Amino acid sequence: MANIKVFENKKIRTQWNEKEEDWYFSVVDVVAILTDSPNPRNYWKVLKHRLLKEGSELVTNCNR
């Protein structure tokens, strides 16, 4: 079940995983809040690419 959380009057899409008892948050929504980027999806895409080039495995290869 998807939920919406509000942080500083901005919405963040979330998902509760009952099996793992853990919350998942939309990275794009968080990036939008933290950076005030006009295009948070592109910001995240570039950041993921840079992290992978540096050898970081913080992100998985998955579609939206």
PDB file of N, CA and C in Angstrom:
ATOM      1  N   MET A   1       0.838  -1.174   0.000  1.00  0.00           N
ATOM      2  CA  MET A   1       0.000   0.000   0.000  1.00  0.00           C
ATOM      3  C   MET A   1       0.887   1.243   0.000  1.00  0.00           C
ATOM      4  N   ALA A   2       0.716   2.095  -0.964  1.00  0.00           N
ATOM      5  CA  ALA A   2       1.500   3.330  -1.062  1.00  0.00           C
ATOM      6  C   ALA A   2       0.905   4.387  -0.141  1.00  0.00           C
ATOM      7  N   ASN A   3       1.769   5.139   0.459  1.00  0.00           N
ATOM      8  CA  ASN A   3       1.371   6.228   1.343  1.00  0.00           C
ATOM      9  C   ASN A   3       2.094   7.489   0.925  1.00  0.00           C
ATOM     10  N   ILE A   4       1.551   8.602   1.362  1.00  0.00           N
ATOM     11  CA  ILE A   4       2.188   9.892   1.120  1.00  0.00           C
ATOM     12  C   ILE A   4       2.585  10.469   2.475  1.00  0.00           C
ATOM     13  N   LYS A   5       3.837  10.852   2.600  1.00  0.00           N
ATOM     14  CA  LYS A   5       4.324  11.537   3.800  1.00  0.00           C
ATOM     15  C   LYS A   5       4.583  12.983   3.411  1.00  0.00           C
ATOM     16  N   VAL A   6       4.513  13.862   4.373  1.00  0.00           N
ATOM     17  CA  VAL A   6       4.744  15.282   4.107  1.00  0.00           C
ATOM     18  C   VAL A   6       5.953  15.744   4.916  1.00  0.00           C
ATOM     19  N   PHE A   7       6.867  16.414   4.226  1.00  0.00           N
ATOM     20  CA  PHE A   7       8.048  16.983   4.860  1.00  0.00           C
ATOM     21  C   PHE A   7       8.189  18.409   4.350  1.00  0.00           C
ATOM     22  N   GLU A   8       8.179  19.347   5.245  1.00  0.00           N
ATOM     23  CA  GLU A   8       8.256  20.767   4.883  1.00  0.00           C
ATOM     24  C   GLU A   8       7.239  21.115   3.790  1.00  0.00           C
ATOM     25  N   ASN A   9       6.025  20.647   3.980  1.00  0.00           N
ATOM     26  CA  ASN A   9       4.895  20.895   3.083  1.00  0.00           C
ATOM     27  C   ASN A   9       5.084  20.305   1.680  1.00  0.00           C
ATOM     28  N   LYS A  10       5.981  19.355   1.527  1.00  0.00           N
ATOM     29  CA  LYS A  10       6.187  18.693   0.241  1.00  0.00           C
ATOM     30  C   LYS A  10       5.927  17.198   0.408  1.00  0.00           C
ATOM     31  N   LYS A  11       5.359  16.591  -0.611  1.00  0.00           N
ATOM     32  CA  LYS A  11       4.967  15.188  -0.540  1.00  0.00           C
ATOM     33  C   LYS A  11       6.116  14.250  -0.897  1.00  0.00           C
ATOM     34  N   ILE A  12       6.200  13.139  -0.161  1.00  0.00           N
ATOM     35  CA  ILE A  12       7.161  12.080  -0.445  1.00  0.00           C
ATOM     36  C   ILE A  12       6.374  10.775  -0.537  1.00  0.00           C
ATOM     37  N   ARG A  13       6.504  10.099  -1.667  1.00  0.00           N
ATOM     38  CA  ARG A  13       5.845   8.806  -1.823  1.00  0.00           C
ATOM     39  C   ARG A  13       6.592   7.756  -1.000  1.00  0.00           C
ATOM     40  N   THR A  14       5.821   6.915  -0.307  1.00  0.00           N
ATOM     41  CA  THR A  14       6.409   5.889   0.545  1.00  0.00           C
ATOM     42  C   THR A  14       5.720   4.549   0.312  1.00  0.00           C
ATOM     43  N   GLN A  15       6.393   3.502   0.767  1.00  0.00           N
ATOM     44  CA  GLN A  15       5.830   2.153   0.679  1.00  0.00           C
ATOM     45  C   GLN A  15       6.274   1.387   1.917  1.00  0.00           C
ATOM     46  N   TRP A  16       5.340   0.750   2.604  1.00  0.00           N
ATOM     47  CA  TRP A  16       5.647  -0.064   3.778  1.00  0.00           C
ATOM     48  C   TRP A  16       5.821  -1.514   3.342  1.00  0.00           C
ATOM     49  N   ASN A  17       6.921  -2.136   3.743  1.00  0.00           N
ATOM     50  CA  ASN A  17       7.168  -3.549   3.460  1.00  0.00           C
ATOM     51  C   ASN A  17       6.902  -4.322   4.744  1.00  0.00           C
ATOM     52  N   GLU A  18       5.766  -5.013   4.782  1.00  0.00           N
ATOM     53  CA  GLU A  18       5.381  -5.734   5.998  1.00  0.00           C
ATOM     54  C   GLU A  18       6.356  -6.849   6.342  1.00  0.00           C
ATOM     55  N   LYS A  19       6.828  -7.566   5.333  1.00  0.00           N
ATOM     56  CA  LYS A  19       7.734  -8.696   5.564  1.00  0.00           C
ATOM     57  C   LYS A  19       9.025  -8.242   6.252  1.00  0.00           C
ATOM     58  N   GLU A  20       9.609  -7.147   5.752  1.00  0.00           N
ATOM     59  CA  GLU A  20      10.857  -6.625   6.315  1.00  0.00           C
ATOM     60  C   GLU A  20      10.613  -5.608   7.426  1.00  0.00           C
ATOM     61  N   GLU A  21       9.351  -5.211   7.599  1.00  0.00           N
ATOM     62  CA  GLU A  21       8.968  -4.176   8.561  1.00  0.00           C
ATOM     63  C   GLU A  21       9.833  -2.937   8.385  1.00  0.00           C
ATOM     64  N   ASP A  22       9.798  -2.412   7.162  1.00  0.00           N
ATOM     65  CA  ASP A  22      10.653  -1.282   6.804  1.00  0.00           C
ATOM     66  C   ASP A  22       9.921  -0.357   5.840  1.00  0.00           C
ATOM     67  N   TRP A  23      10.208   0.937   5.945  1.00  0.00           N
ATOM     68  CA  TRP A  23       9.658   1.925   5.024  1.00  0.00           C
ATOM     69  C   TRP A  23      10.604   2.127   3.862  1.00  0.00           C
ATOM     70  N   TYR A  24      10.048   2.356   2.676  1.00  0.00           N
ATOM     71  CA  TYR A  24      10.807   2.738   1.490  1.00  0.00           C
ATOM     72  C   TYR A  24      10.296   4.104   1.058  1.00  0.00           C
ATOM     73  N   PHE A  25      11.229   4.969   0.661  1.00  0.00           N
ATOM     74  CA  PHE A  25      10.880   6.330   0.262  1.00  0.00           C
ATOM     75  C   PHE A  25      11.307   6.565  -1.173  1.00  0.00           C
ATOM     76  N   SER A  26      10.558   7.386  -1.883  1.00  0.00           N
ATOM     77  CA  SER A  26      10.909   7.752  -3.247  1.00  0.00           C
ATOM     78  C   SER A  26      12.145   8.641  -3.230  1.00  0.00           C
ATOM     79  N   VAL A  27      13.228   8.144  -3.812  1.00  0.00           N
ATOM     80  CA  VAL A  27      14.478   8.904  -3.852  1.00  0.00           C
ATOM     81  C   VAL A  27      14.272  10.197  -4.637  1.00  0.00           C
ATOM     82  N   VAL A  28      13.526  10.137  -5.715  1.00  0.00           N
ATOM     83  CA  VAL A  28      13.292  11.329  -6.535  1.00  0.00           C
ATOM     84  C   VAL A  28      12.577  12.406  -5.720  1.00  0.00           C
ATOM     85  N   ASP A  29      11.608  12.005  -4.912  1.00  0.00           N
ATOM     86  CA  ASP A  29      10.896  12.979  -4.074  1.00  0.00           C
ATOM     87  C   ASP A  29      11.834  13.589  -3.032  1.00  0.00           C
ATOM     88  N   VAL A  30      12.693  12.777  -2.430  1.00  0.00           N
ATOM     89  CA  VAL A  30      13.645  13.274  -1.431  1.00  0.00           C
ATOM     90  C   VAL A  30      14.658  14.213  -2.084  1.00  0.00           C
ATOM     91  N   VAL A  31      15.157  13.839  -3.262  1.00  0.00           N
ATOM     92  CA  VAL A  31      16.098  14.699  -3.995  1.00  0.00           C
ATOM     93  C   VAL A  31      15.447  16.045  -4.305  1.00  0.00           C
ATOM     94  N   ALA A  32      14.195  16.021  -4.699  1.00  0.00           N
ATOM     95  CA  ALA A  32      13.488  17.270  -5.012  1.00  0.00           C
ATOM     96  C   ALA A  32      13.452  18.194  -3.801  1.00  0.00           C
ATOM     97  N   ILE A  33      13.221  17.635  -2.632  1.00  0.00           N
ATOM     98  CA  ILE A  33      13.140  18.448  -1.413  1.00  0.00           C
ATOM     99  C   ILE A  33      14.513  18.966  -0.997  1.00  0.00           C
ATOM    100  N   LEU A  34      15.518  18.092  -1.052  1.00  0.00           N
ATOM    101  CA  LEU A  34      16.842  18.475  -0.563  1.00  0.00           C
ATOM    102  C   LEU A  34      17.603  19.407  -1.500  1.00  0.00           C
ATOM    103  N   THR A  35      17.323  19.342  -2.792  1.00  0.00           N
ATOM    104  CA  THR A  35      18.108  20.121  -3.751  1.00  0.00           C
ATOM    105  C   THR A  35      17.355  21.294  -4.351  1.00  0.00           C
ATOM    106  N   ASP A  36      16.047  21.315  -4.248  1.00  0.00           N
ATOM    107  CA  ASP A  36      15.218  22.312  -4.926  1.00  0.00           C
ATOM    108  C   ASP A  36      15.473  22.299  -6.433  1.00  0.00           C
ATOM    109  N   SER A  37      15.864  21.144  -6.949  1.00  0.00           N
ATOM    110  CA  SER A  37      16.143  20.996  -8.377  1.00  0.00           C
ATOM    111  C   SER A  37      14.856  21.127  -9.185  1.00  0.00           C
ATOM    112  N   PRO A  38      14.909  21.819 -10.322  1.00  0.00           N
ATOM    113  CA  PRO A  38      13.727  21.909 -11.185  1.00  0.00           C
ATOM    114  C   PRO A  38      13.429  20.570 -11.865  1.00  0.00           C
ATOM    115  N   ASN A  39      14.427  19.677 -11.925  1.00  0.00           N
ATOM    116  CA  ASN A  39      14.241  18.367 -12.549  1.00  0.00           C
ATOM    117  C   ASN A  39      14.892  17.294 -11.667  1.00  0.00           C
ATOM    118  N   PRO A  40      14.230  16.906 -10.573  1.00  0.00           N
ATOM    119  CA  PRO A  40      14.837  15.959  -9.639  1.00  0.00           C
ATOM    120  C   PRO A  40      15.096  14.580 -10.242  1.00  0.00           C
ATOM    121  N   ARG A  41      14.290  14.158 -11.207  1.00  0.00           N
ATOM    122  CA  ARG A  41      14.499  12.851 -11.844  1.00  0.00           C
ATOM    123  C   ARG A  41      15.830  12.846 -12.601  1.00  0.00           C
ATOM    124  N   ASN A  42      16.115  13.928 -13.308  1.00  0.00           N
ATOM    125  CA  ASN A  42      17.385  14.035 -14.037  1.00  0.00           C
ATOM    126  C   ASN A  42      18.554  14.159 -13.059  1.00  0.00           C
ATOM    127  N   TYR A  43      18.374  14.924 -11.983  1.00  0.00           N
ATOM    128  CA  TYR A  43      19.406  15.081 -10.950  1.00  0.00           C
ATOM    129  C   TYR A  43      19.793  13.710 -10.406  1.00  0.00           C
ATOM    130  N   TRP A  44      18.803  12.880 -10.069  1.00  0.00           N
ATOM    131  CA  TRP A  44      19.045  11.543  -9.527  1.00  0.00           C
ATOM    132  C   TRP A  44      19.723  10.654 -10.572  1.00  0.00           C
ATOM    133  N   LYS A  45      19.306  10.759 -11.817  1.00  0.00           N
ATOM    134  CA  LYS A  45      19.905   9.960 -12.894  1.00  0.00           C
ATOM    135  C   LYS A  45      21.400  10.260 -13.026  1.00  0.00           C
ATOM    136  N   VAL A  46      21.761  11.539 -13.023  1.00  0.00           N
ATOM    137  CA  VAL A  46      23.165  11.951 -13.132  1.00  0.00           C
ATOM    138  C   VAL A  46      23.948  11.505 -11.899  1.00  0.00           C
ATOM    139  N   LEU A  47      23.360  11.681 -10.718  1.00  0.00           N
ATOM    140  CA  LEU A  47      24.027  11.279  -9.483  1.00  0.00           C
ATOM    141  C   LEU A  47      24.282   9.769  -9.460  1.00  0.00           C
ATOM    142  N   LYS A  48      23.293   8.967  -9.858  1.00  0.00           N
ATOM    143  CA  LYS A  48      23.480   7.505  -9.915  1.00  0.00           C
ATOM    144  C   LYS A  48      24.624   7.143 -10.848  1.00  0.00           C
ATOM    145  N   HIS A  49      24.667   7.800 -12.004  1.00  0.00           N
ATOM    146  CA  HIS A  49      25.727   7.528 -12.982  1.00  0.00           C
ATOM    147  C   HIS A  49      27.097   7.846 -12.385  1.00  0.00           C
ATOM    148  N   ARG A  50      27.205   8.982 -11.708  1.00  0.00           N
ATOM    149  CA  ARG A  50      28.483   9.371 -11.084  1.00  0.00           C
ATOM    150  C   ARG A  50      28.884   8.388  -9.988  1.00  0.00           C
ATOM    151  N   LEU A  51      27.923   7.955  -9.181  1.00  0.00           N
ATOM    152  CA  LEU A  51      28.218   6.994  -8.122  1.00  0.00           C
ATOM    153  C   LEU A  51      28.715   5.665  -8.698  1.00  0.00           C
ATOM    154  N   LEU A  52      28.075   5.204  -9.758  1.00  0.00           N
ATOM    155  CA  LEU A  52      28.492   3.955 -10.388  1.00  0.00           C
ATOM    156  C   LEU A  52      29.886   4.073 -10.985  1.00  0.00           C
ATOM    157  N   LYS A  53      30.199   5.233 -11.584  1.00  0.00           N
ATOM    158  CA  LYS A  53      31.541   5.462 -12.135  1.00  0.00           C
ATOM    159  C   LYS A  53      32.604   5.419 -11.044  1.00  0.00           C
ATOM    160  N   GLU A  54      32.242   5.868  -9.845  1.00  0.00           N
ATOM    161  CA  GLU A  54      33.172   5.864  -8.721  1.00  0.00           C
ATOM    162  C   GLU A  54      33.271   4.493  -8.058  1.00  0.00           C
ATOM    163  N   GLY A  55      32.469   3.551  -8.519  1.00  0.00           N
ATOM    164  CA  GLY A  55      32.503   2.206  -7.955  1.00  0.00           C
ATOM    165  C   GLY A  55      31.534   1.988  -6.812  1.00  0.00           C
ATOM    166  N   SER A  56      30.659   2.940  -6.560  1.00  0.00           N
ATOM    167  CA  SER A  56      29.677   2.804  -5.489  1.00  0.00           C
ATOM    168  C   SER A  56      28.592   1.818  -5.900  1.00  0.00           C
ATOM    169  N   GLU A  57      28.194   0.978  -4.963  1.00  0.00           N
ATOM    170  CA  GLU A  57      27.108   0.032  -5.216  1.00  0.00           C
ATOM    171  C   GLU A  57      25.931   0.352  -4.310  1.00  0.00           C
ATOM    172  N   LEU A  58      25.696   1.632  -4.092  1.00  0.00           N
ATOM    173  CA  LEU A  58      24.610   2.057  -3.229  1.00  0.00           C
ATOM    174  C   LEU A  58      23.241   1.930  -3.889  1.00  0.00           C
ATOM    175  N   VAL A  59      23.236   1.854  -5.208  1.00  0.00           N
ATOM    176  CA  VAL A  59      21.980   1.778  -5.940  1.00  0.00           C
ATOM    177  C   VAL A  59      21.915   0.490  -6.737  1.00  0.00           C
ATOM    178  N   THR A  60      20.698  -0.008  -6.927  1.00  0.00           N
ATOM    179  CA  THR A  60      20.502  -1.198  -7.738  1.00  0.00           C
ATOM    180  C   THR A  60      20.026  -0.782  -9.116  1.00  0.00           C
ATOM    181  N   ASN A  61      20.178  -1.663 -10.059  1.00  0.00           N
ATOM    182  CA  ASN A  61      19.771  -1.402 -11.430  1.00  0.00           C
ATOM    183  C   ASN A  61      18.309  -1.804 -11.595  1.00  0.00           C
ATOM    184  N   CYS A  62      17.408  -0.839 -11.398  1.00  0.00           N
ATOM    185  CA  CYS A  62      15.977  -1.134 -11.517  1.00  0.00           C
ATOM    186  C   CYS A  62      15.263   0.027 -12.187  1.00  0.00           C
ATOM    187  N   ASN A  63      14.103  -0.254 -12.729  1.00  0.00           N
ATOM    188  CA  ASN A  63      13.281   0.768 -13.368  1.00  0.00           C
ATOM    189  C   ASN A  63      12.445   1.477 -12.328  1.00  0.00           C
ATOM    190  N   ARG A  64      11.876   2.604 -12.708  1.00  0.00           N
ATOM    191  CA  ARG A  64      11.038   3.370 -11.778  1.00  0.00           C
ATOM    192  C   ARG A  64       9.941   2.509 -11.280  1.00  0.00           C
TER     193      ARG A  64
END
